[in-house]
């Protein structure tokens, strides 16, 4: 089993009701994309905020990442809305 730390920022922290959690991932969750699908399967705000087409960014160990990135035990995964500015 792989254990990771999840960090949520801005509107995601508000919608999920937490800024962070430690998750023990099931064996089938090996990539960032599979992690997102696993979180989405929680339903409710998780399904809505992480739905296909919703804007959010992902970082593993503080590096921007793709959905195909493999996860390792102990990784820190941050999920946050894209930053906009003027």
Foldseek 3Di string as FASTA:
>chain_A
DAKEKEAEDDVRCVLVVHGIDIDDDDPVPFFQLSVLVVQLVVDDSSVVCSPPPHAKWKDKPNHTDDRGHTDGHYIYMYIYGDDDDD
